[in-house]
Amino acid sequence: MTVKELIRKYDLIIMRKGDKVGIGIGRKVSKKQIEELKEKKDEIIAELLRREAAREEAEARMEAERQEELRAIRAGEKTIKLSWYDGCPLSGWQVFGPATELLEELGLAEMVAGWGHLVDHRAVKALGNEFTYQQAVEYTQPAREAKEQTEAKKTAERQAKFDEARETGKSVLLQKWTEPCNDPKEECSLDIVRVYAMPDGTQKVERVHTY
């Protein structure tokens, strides 16, 4: 049996421990089969290392191509092209490849499980089904600025509560919500959860069962 056949038959993989390299066996083998593997150990390891190097080289090449495409899109050298998918129950504009992560970052695309990346129909109506990255950035700028302002306001309000807790020496309520009871031993359906800012800068979570 050839080395390649042995690798395939026994699901052989490279195993490392420190500087030592060995063979991992993915299937149950007999003593006779182990002896056969030992006889060709060096050849098997050489082939597994060759495959590993080839795989790493291919992955590096693919990553370099991805980065180059991202650069070209950001620089406006390449446009973002959408594809229409007419499905059931969902139809819509899809985006593929590296452009996907750019549109996700801008909030214009989202992953739909079992379907693909769906692009916001309002963006397609405004930009068309082919546009530049800069056009997408300009289109989303008002929404992104509003989101940043909202997040900055929340951060400031949160910090103000921690400042109040530190100055007064008393806990200050940060958040409050209800959720299903987390204790099967308790005869309640909902818990009231409160999160407090503490004088020492930490958070305290308080859970109250309702009956």
C-alpha atoms as a PDB file:
ATOM      1  CA  MET A   1       0.000   0.000   0.000  1.00  0.00           C
ATOM      2  CA  THR A   2       1.350   3.422  -0.953  1.00  0.00           C
ATOM      3  CA  VAL A   3       1.901   6.245   1.516  1.00  0.00           C
ATOM      4  CA  LYS A   4      -1.044   8.183   0.075  1.00  0.00           C
ATOM      5  CA  GLU A   5      -3.275   5.138   0.392  1.00  0.00           C
ATOM      6  CA  LEU A   6      -2.199   4.659   4.024  1.00  0.00           C
ATOM      7  CA  ILE A   7      -2.947   8.288   4.842  1.00  0.00           C
ATOM      8  CA  ARG A   8      -6.388   8.030   3.294  1.00  0.00           C
ATOM      9  CA  LYS A   9      -7.238   4.632   4.763  1.00  0.00           C
ATOM     10  CA  TYR A  10      -6.249   5.419   8.351  1.00  0.00           C
ATOM     11  CA  ASP A  11      -7.032   9.163   8.387  1.00  0.00           C
ATOM     12  CA  LEU A  12      -3.448   9.973   9.291  1.00  0.00           C
ATOM     13  CA  ILE A  13      -2.534  13.468  10.477  1.00  0.00           C
ATOM     14  CA  ILE A  14       0.539  15.282  11.767  1.00  0.00           C
ATOM     15  CA  MET A  15       0.902  15.389  15.550  1.00  0.00           C
ATOM     16  CA  ARG A  16       3.301  17.771  17.293  1.00  0.00           C
ATOM     17  CA  LYS A  17       4.661  17.820  20.815  1.00  0.00           C
ATOM     18  CA  GLY A  18       7.307  20.449  21.274  1.00  0.00           C
ATOM     19  CA  ASP A  19       9.899  19.934  18.550  1.00  0.00           C
ATOM     20  CA  LYS A  20       8.839  16.350  17.920  1.00  0.00           C
ATOM     21  CA  VAL A  21       6.641  15.380  14.978  1.00  0.00           C
ATOM     22  CA  GLY A  22       4.613  12.190  14.891  1.00  0.00           C
ATOM     23  CA  ILE A  23       1.616  10.574  13.245  1.00  0.00           C
ATOM     24  CA  GLY A  24      -1.947  10.694  14.525  1.00  0.00           C
ATOM     25  CA  ILE A  25      -4.180   7.780  13.554  1.00  0.00           C
ATOM     26  CA  GLY A  26      -7.864   8.512  13.047  1.00  0.00           C
ATOM     27  CA  ARG A  27      -9.073   4.913  12.957  1.00  0.00           C
ATOM     28  CA  LYS A  28      -8.659   1.768  15.003  1.00  0.00           C
ATOM     29  CA  VAL A  29      -5.737  -0.310  13.759  1.00  0.00           C
ATOM     30  CA  SER A  30      -4.290  -3.711  14.521  1.00  0.00           C
ATOM     31  CA  LYS A  31      -0.746  -4.424  15.685  1.00  0.00           C
ATOM     32  CA  LYS A  32       0.136  -5.609  12.185  1.00  0.00           C
ATOM     33  CA  GLN A  33      -1.166  -2.382  10.679  1.00  0.00           C
ATOM     34  CA  ILE A  34       0.780  -0.321  13.244  1.00  0.00           C
ATOM     35  CA  GLU A  35       3.948  -2.141  12.202  1.00  0.00           C
ATOM     36  CA  GLU A  36       3.224  -1.281   8.575  1.00  0.00           C
ATOM     37  CA  LEU A  37       2.825   2.362   9.504  1.00  0.00           C
ATOM     38  CA  LYS A  38       6.043   2.333  11.519  1.00  0.00           C
ATOM     39  CA  GLU A  39       7.953   0.955   8.537  1.00  0.00           C
ATOM     40  CA  LYS A  40       6.869   3.910   6.421  1.00  0.00           C
ATOM     41  CA  LYS A  41       6.771   6.493   9.201  1.00  0.00           C
ATOM     42  CA  ASP A  42       9.360   8.829   7.675  1.00  0.00           C
ATOM     43  CA  GLU A  43       7.703   8.735   4.246  1.00  0.00           C
ATOM     44  CA  ILE A  44       4.265   9.329   5.778  1.00  0.00           C
ATOM     45  CA  ILE A  45       5.478  12.289   7.830  1.00  0.00           C
ATOM     46  CA  ALA A  46       7.200  13.763   4.766  1.00  0.00           C
ATOM     47  CA  GLU A  47       3.973  13.508   2.743  1.00  0.00           C
ATOM     48  CA  LEU A  48       1.847  14.950   5.544  1.00  0.00           C
ATOM     49  CA  LEU A  49       4.268  17.872   5.955  1.00  0.00           C
ATOM     50  CA  ARG A  50       4.218  18.438   2.195  1.00  0.00           C
ATOM     51  CA  ARG A  51       0.420  18.569   2.235  1.00  0.00           C
ATOM     52  CA  GLU A  52       0.440  20.877   5.236  1.00  0.00           C
ATOM     53  CA  ALA A  53       2.845  23.263   3.518  1.00  0.00           C
ATOM     54  CA  ALA A  54       0.797  23.198   0.317  1.00  0.00           C
ATOM     55  CA  ARG A  55      -2.388  23.922   2.262  1.00  0.00           C
ATOM     56  CA  GLU A  56      -0.783  26.819   4.129  1.00  0.00           C
ATOM     57  CA  GLU A  57       0.576  28.210   0.870  1.00  0.00           C
ATOM     58  CA  ALA A  58      -2.872  28.012  -0.736  1.00  0.00           C
ATOM     59  CA  GLU A  59      -4.495  29.697   2.266  1.00  0.00           C
ATOM     60  CA  ALA A  60      -1.884  32.463   2.224  1.00  0.00           C
ATOM     61  CA  ARG A  61      -2.443  32.991  -1.494  1.00  0.00           C
ATOM     62  CA  MET A  62      -6.215  33.170  -1.014  1.00  0.00           C
ATOM     63  CA  GLU A  63      -5.815  35.664   1.840  1.00  0.00           C
ATOM     64  CA  ALA A  64      -3.489  37.810  -0.267  1.00  0.00           C
ATOM     65  CA  GLU A  65      -6.042  37.793  -3.094  1.00  0.00           C
ATOM     66  CA  ARG A  66      -8.801  38.730  -0.638  1.00  0.00           C
ATOM     67  CA  GLN A  67      -6.778  41.615   0.747  1.00  0.00           C
ATOM     68  CA  GLU A  68      -5.956  42.842  -2.752  1.00  0.00           C
ATOM     69  CA  GLU A  69      -9.634  42.782  -3.724  1.00  0.00           C
ATOM     70  CA  LEU A  70     -10.558  44.685  -0.571  1.00  0.00           C
ATOM     71  CA  ARG A  71      -7.899  47.272  -1.391  1.00  0.00           C
ATOM     72  CA  ALA A  72      -9.173  47.629  -4.952  1.00  0.00           C
ATOM     73  CA  ILE A  73     -12.761  48.070  -3.768  1.00  0.00           C
ATOM     74  CA  ARG A  74     -11.803  50.641  -1.135  1.00  0.00           C
ATOM     75  CA  ALA A  75      -9.718  52.529  -3.696  1.00  0.00           C
ATOM     76  CA  GLY A  76     -12.584  52.615  -6.161  1.00  0.00           C
ATOM     77  CA  GLU A  77     -10.718  50.492  -8.694  1.00  0.00           C
ATOM     78  CA  LYS A  78     -13.380  47.825  -8.466  1.00  0.00           C
ATOM     79  CA  THR A  79     -17.115  48.261  -8.006  1.00  0.00           C
ATOM     80  CA  ILE A  80     -19.409  46.267  -5.740  1.00  0.00           C
ATOM     81  CA  LYS A  81     -21.801  44.192  -7.826  1.00  0.00           C
ATOM     82  CA  LEU A  82     -24.945  42.646  -6.376  1.00  0.00           C
ATOM     83  CA  SER A  83     -26.819  39.598  -7.614  1.00  0.00           C
ATOM     84  CA  TRP A  84     -30.567  39.124  -7.512  1.00  0.00           C
ATOM     85  CA  TYR A  85     -31.830  35.888  -6.007  1.00  0.00           C
ATOM     86  CA  ASP A  86     -35.440  34.963  -6.664  1.00  0.00           C
ATOM     87  CA  GLY A  87     -36.249  32.447  -3.951  1.00  0.00           C
ATOM     88  CA  CYS A  88     -38.990  31.187  -1.715  1.00  0.00           C
ATOM     89  CA  PRO A  89     -39.824  32.441   0.837  1.00  0.00           C
ATOM     90  CA  LEU A  90     -37.118  35.128   0.465  1.00  0.00           C
ATOM     91  CA  SER A  91     -35.993  37.037  -2.603  1.00  0.00           C
ATOM     92  CA  GLY A  92     -33.526  39.880  -2.639  1.00  0.00           C
ATOM     93  CA  TRP A  93     -30.149  41.297  -3.605  1.00  0.00           C
ATOM     94  CA  GLN A  94     -27.108  39.318  -2.491  1.00  0.00           C
ATOM     95  CA  VAL A  95     -23.446  40.227  -2.189  1.00  0.00           C
ATOM     96  CA  PHE A  96     -20.554  37.787  -2.432  1.00  0.00           C
ATOM     97  CA  GLY A  97     -16.822  37.741  -1.807  1.00  0.00           C
ATOM     98  CA  PRO A  98     -14.718  40.284   0.088  1.00  0.00           C
ATOM     99  CA  ALA A  99     -17.253  43.044  -0.618  1.00  0.00           C
ATOM    100  CA  THR A 100     -19.527  41.232   1.822  1.00  0.00           C
ATOM    101  CA  GLU A 101     -17.529  42.227   4.893  1.00  0.00           C
ATOM    102  CA  LEU A 102     -17.324  45.845   3.721  1.00  0.00           C
ATOM    103  CA  LEU A 103     -21.101  46.104   3.370  1.00  0.00           C
ATOM    104  CA  GLU A 104     -21.563  44.355   6.719  1.00  0.00           C
ATOM    105  CA  GLU A 105     -19.281  46.917   8.369  1.00  0.00           C
ATOM    106  CA  LEU A 106     -21.408  49.694   6.873  1.00  0.00           C
ATOM    107  CA  GLY A 107     -24.629  48.018   8.015  1.00  0.00           C
ATOM    108  CA  LEU A 108     -25.876  47.439   4.464  1.00  0.00           C
ATOM    109  CA  ALA A 109     -25.762  43.636   4.444  1.00  0.00           C
ATOM    110  CA  GLU A 110     -26.666  40.930   6.905  1.00  0.00           C
ATOM    111  CA  MET A 111     -26.359  37.162   6.947  1.00  0.00           C
ATOM    112  CA  VAL A 112     -29.617  35.261   6.579  1.00  0.00           C
ATOM    113  CA  ALA A 113     -29.164  31.669   7.746  1.00  0.00           C
ATOM    114  CA  GLY A 114     -29.511  29.194   4.904  1.00  0.00           C
ATOM    115  CA  TRP A 115     -29.889  31.968   2.337  1.00  0.00           C
ATOM    116  CA  GLY A 116     -26.839  34.195   2.109  1.00  0.00           C
ATOM    117  CA  HIS A 117     -25.978  37.852   2.642  1.00  0.00           C
ATOM    118  CA  LEU A 118     -28.993  40.069   2.045  1.00  0.00           C
ATOM    119  CA  VAL A 119     -28.395  43.700   1.063  1.00  0.00           C
ATOM    120  CA  ASP A 120     -30.685  46.425   2.413  1.00  0.00           C
ATOM    121  CA  HIS A 121     -33.330  47.089  -0.261  1.00  0.00           C
ATOM    122  CA  ARG A 122     -33.305  50.816   0.560  1.00  0.00           C
ATOM    123  CA  ALA A 123     -29.609  50.957  -0.242  1.00  0.00           C
ATOM    124  CA  VAL A 124     -30.188  49.184  -3.561  1.00  0.00           C
ATOM    125  CA  LYS A 125     -32.960  51.640  -4.385  1.00  0.00           C
ATOM    126  CA  ALA A 126     -30.604  54.557  -3.679  1.00  0.00           C
ATOM    127  CA  LEU A 127     -27.361  53.160  -5.111  1.00  0.00           C
ATOM    128  CA  GLY A 128     -28.449  50.600  -7.694  1.00  0.00           C
ATOM    129  CA  ASN A 129     -27.119  47.061  -7.998  1.00  0.00           C
ATOM    130  CA  GLU A 130     -23.585  48.215  -8.833  1.00  0.00           C
ATOM    131  CA  PHE A 131     -21.805  50.981  -6.975  1.00  0.00           C
ATOM    132  CA  THR A 132     -18.462  52.028  -5.502  1.00  0.00           C
ATOM    133  CA  TYR A 133     -17.400  51.608  -1.907  1.00  0.00           C
ATOM    134  CA  GLN A 134     -17.159  55.388  -1.522  1.00  0.00           C
ATOM    135  CA  GLN A 135     -20.780  55.761  -2.653  1.00  0.00           C
ATOM    136  CA  ALA A 136     -21.785  53.215   0.003  1.00  0.00           C
ATOM    137  CA  VAL A 137     -19.768  55.089   2.638  1.00  0.00           C
ATOM    138  CA  GLU A 138     -21.403  58.412   1.737  1.00  0.00           C
ATOM    139  CA  TYR A 139     -24.863  56.831   1.714  1.00  0.00           C
ATOM    140  CA  THR A 140     -24.425  55.362   5.210  1.00  0.00           C
ATOM    141  CA  GLN A 141     -22.625  58.344   6.750  1.00  0.00           C
ATOM    142  CA  PRO A 142     -25.740  60.006   8.285  1.00  0.00           C
ATOM    143  CA  ALA A 143     -26.876  56.741   9.891  1.00  0.00           C
ATOM    144  CA  ARG A 144     -23.375  55.929  11.140  1.00  0.00           C
ATOM    145  CA  GLU A 145     -22.944  59.392  12.636  1.00  0.00           C
ATOM    146  CA  ALA A 146     -26.324  59.127  14.362  1.00  0.00           C
ATOM    147  CA  LYS A 147     -25.367  55.723  15.750  1.00  0.00           C
ATOM    148  CA  GLU A 148     -22.031  57.051  17.000  1.00  0.00           C
ATOM    149  CA  GLN A 149     -23.785  59.968  18.717  1.00  0.00           C
ATOM    150  CA  THR A 150     -26.277  57.598  20.356  1.00  0.00           C
ATOM    151  CA  GLU A 151     -23.487  55.302  21.577  1.00  0.00           C
ATOM    152  CA  ALA A 152     -21.464  58.268  22.835  1.00  0.00           C
ATOM    153  CA  LYS A 153     -24.510  59.522  24.739  1.00  0.00           C
ATOM    154  CA  LYS A 154     -25.073  56.100  26.313  1.00  0.00           C
ATOM    155  CA  THR A 155     -21.404  55.875  27.288  1.00  0.00           C
ATOM    156  CA  ALA A 156     -21.529  59.329  28.878  1.00  0.00           C
ATOM    157  CA  GLU A 157     -24.720  58.507  30.774  1.00  0.00           C
ATOM    158  CA  ARG A 158     -23.238  55.247  32.012  1.00  0.00           C
ATOM    159  CA  GLN A 159     -20.042  56.968  33.130  1.00  0.00           C
ATOM    160  CA  ALA A 160     -22.091  59.642  34.925  1.00  0.00           C
ATOM    161  CA  LYS A 161     -23.785  56.915  36.962  1.00  0.00           C
ATOM    162  CA  PHE A 162     -20.446  55.413  37.967  1.00  0.00           C
ATOM    163  CA  ASP A 163     -19.249  58.902  38.927  1.00  0.00           C
ATOM    164  CA  GLU A 164     -22.388  59.386  41.021  1.00  0.00           C
ATOM    165  CA  ALA A 165     -21.861  56.026  42.745  1.00  0.00           C
ATOM    166  CA  ARG A 166     -18.245  56.918  43.546  1.00  0.00           C
ATOM    167  CA  GLU A 167     -19.134  60.387  44.860  1.00  0.00           C
ATOM    168  CA  THR A 168     -22.138  59.316  46.973  1.00  0.00           C
ATOM    169  CA  GLY A 169     -20.784  55.960  48.105  1.00  0.00           C
ATOM    170  CA  LYS A 170     -24.089  54.359  47.070  1.00  0.00           C
ATOM    171  CA  SER A 171     -25.025  52.018  44.238  1.00  0.00           C
ATOM    172  CA  VAL A 172     -26.761  53.544  41.192  1.00  0.00           C
ATOM    173  CA  LEU A 173     -29.115  51.608  38.898  1.00  0.00           C
ATOM    174  CA  LEU A 174     -27.672  51.073  35.411  1.00  0.00           C
ATOM    175  CA  GLN A 175     -30.189  48.714  33.829  1.00  0.00           C
ATOM    176  CA  LYS A 176     -33.344  46.832  34.638  1.00  0.00           C
ATOM    177  CA  TRP A 177     -35.182  44.149  32.674  1.00  0.00           C
ATOM    178  CA  THR A 178     -37.185  40.946  33.033  1.00  0.00           C
ATOM    179  CA  GLU A 179     -36.289  37.528  31.665  1.00  0.00           C
ATOM    180  CA  PRO A 180     -37.311  33.866  32.173  1.00  0.00           C
ATOM    181  CA  CYS A 181     -36.414  32.435  35.574  1.00  0.00           C
ATOM    182  CA  ASN A 182     -32.950  30.880  35.621  1.00  0.00           C
ATOM    183  CA  ASP A 183     -33.558  28.557  38.565  1.00  0.00           C
ATOM    184  CA  PRO A 184     -35.645  25.408  37.905  1.00  0.00           C
ATOM    185  CA  LYS A 185     -36.001  24.949  41.675  1.00  0.00           C
ATOM    186  CA  GLU A 186     -37.944  28.198  41.981  1.00  0.00           C
ATOM    187  CA  GLU A 187     -41.663  28.297  41.188  1.00  0.00           C
ATOM    188  CA  CYS A 188     -41.581  31.522  39.203  1.00  0.00           C
ATOM    189  CA  SER A 189     -41.830  32.416  35.528  1.00  0.00           C
ATOM    190  CA  LEU A 190     -39.991  35.746  35.404  1.00  0.00           C
ATOM    191  CA  ASP A 191     -36.959  37.237  37.106  1.00  0.00           C
ATOM    192  CA  ILE A 192     -36.392  40.940  37.562  1.00  0.00           C
ATOM    193  CA  VAL A 193     -32.739  41.665  36.823  1.00  0.00           C
ATOM    194  CA  ARG A 194     -31.077  44.881  37.968  1.00  0.00           C
ATOM    195  CA  VAL A 195     -27.528  45.972  37.280  1.00  0.00           C
ATOM    196  CA  TYR A 196     -25.957  48.575  39.553  1.00  0.00           C
ATOM    197  CA  ALA A 197     -22.896  50.786  39.278  1.00  0.00           C
ATOM    198  CA  MET A 198     -20.934  50.384  42.505  1.00  0.00           C
ATOM    199  CA  PRO A 199     -18.779  52.994  44.305  1.00  0.00           C
ATOM    200  CA  ASP A 200     -15.617  50.952  43.634  1.00  0.00           C
ATOM    201  CA  GLY A 201     -16.212  51.049  39.862  1.00  0.00           C
ATOM    202  CA  THR A 202     -17.523  47.503  39.545  1.00  0.00           C
ATOM    203  CA  GLN A 203     -20.969  46.256  38.546  1.00  0.00           C
ATOM    204  CA  LYS A 204     -23.379  44.340  40.704  1.00  0.00           C
ATOM    205  CA  VAL A 205     -26.122  42.139  39.255  1.00  0.00           C
ATOM    206  CA  GLU A 206     -29.203  41.546  41.367  1.00  0.00           C
ATOM    207  CA  ARG A 207     -31.805  38.957  40.361  1.00  0.00           C
ATOM    208  CA  VAL A 208     -35.233  38.825  42.005  1.00  0.00           C
ATOM    209  CA  HIS A 209     -37.653  35.949  41.434  1.00  0.00           C
ATOM    210  CA  THR A 210     -41.325  36.844  40.986  1.00  0.00           C
ATOM    211  CA  TYR A 211     -44.153  34.600  42.183  1.00  0.00           C
END
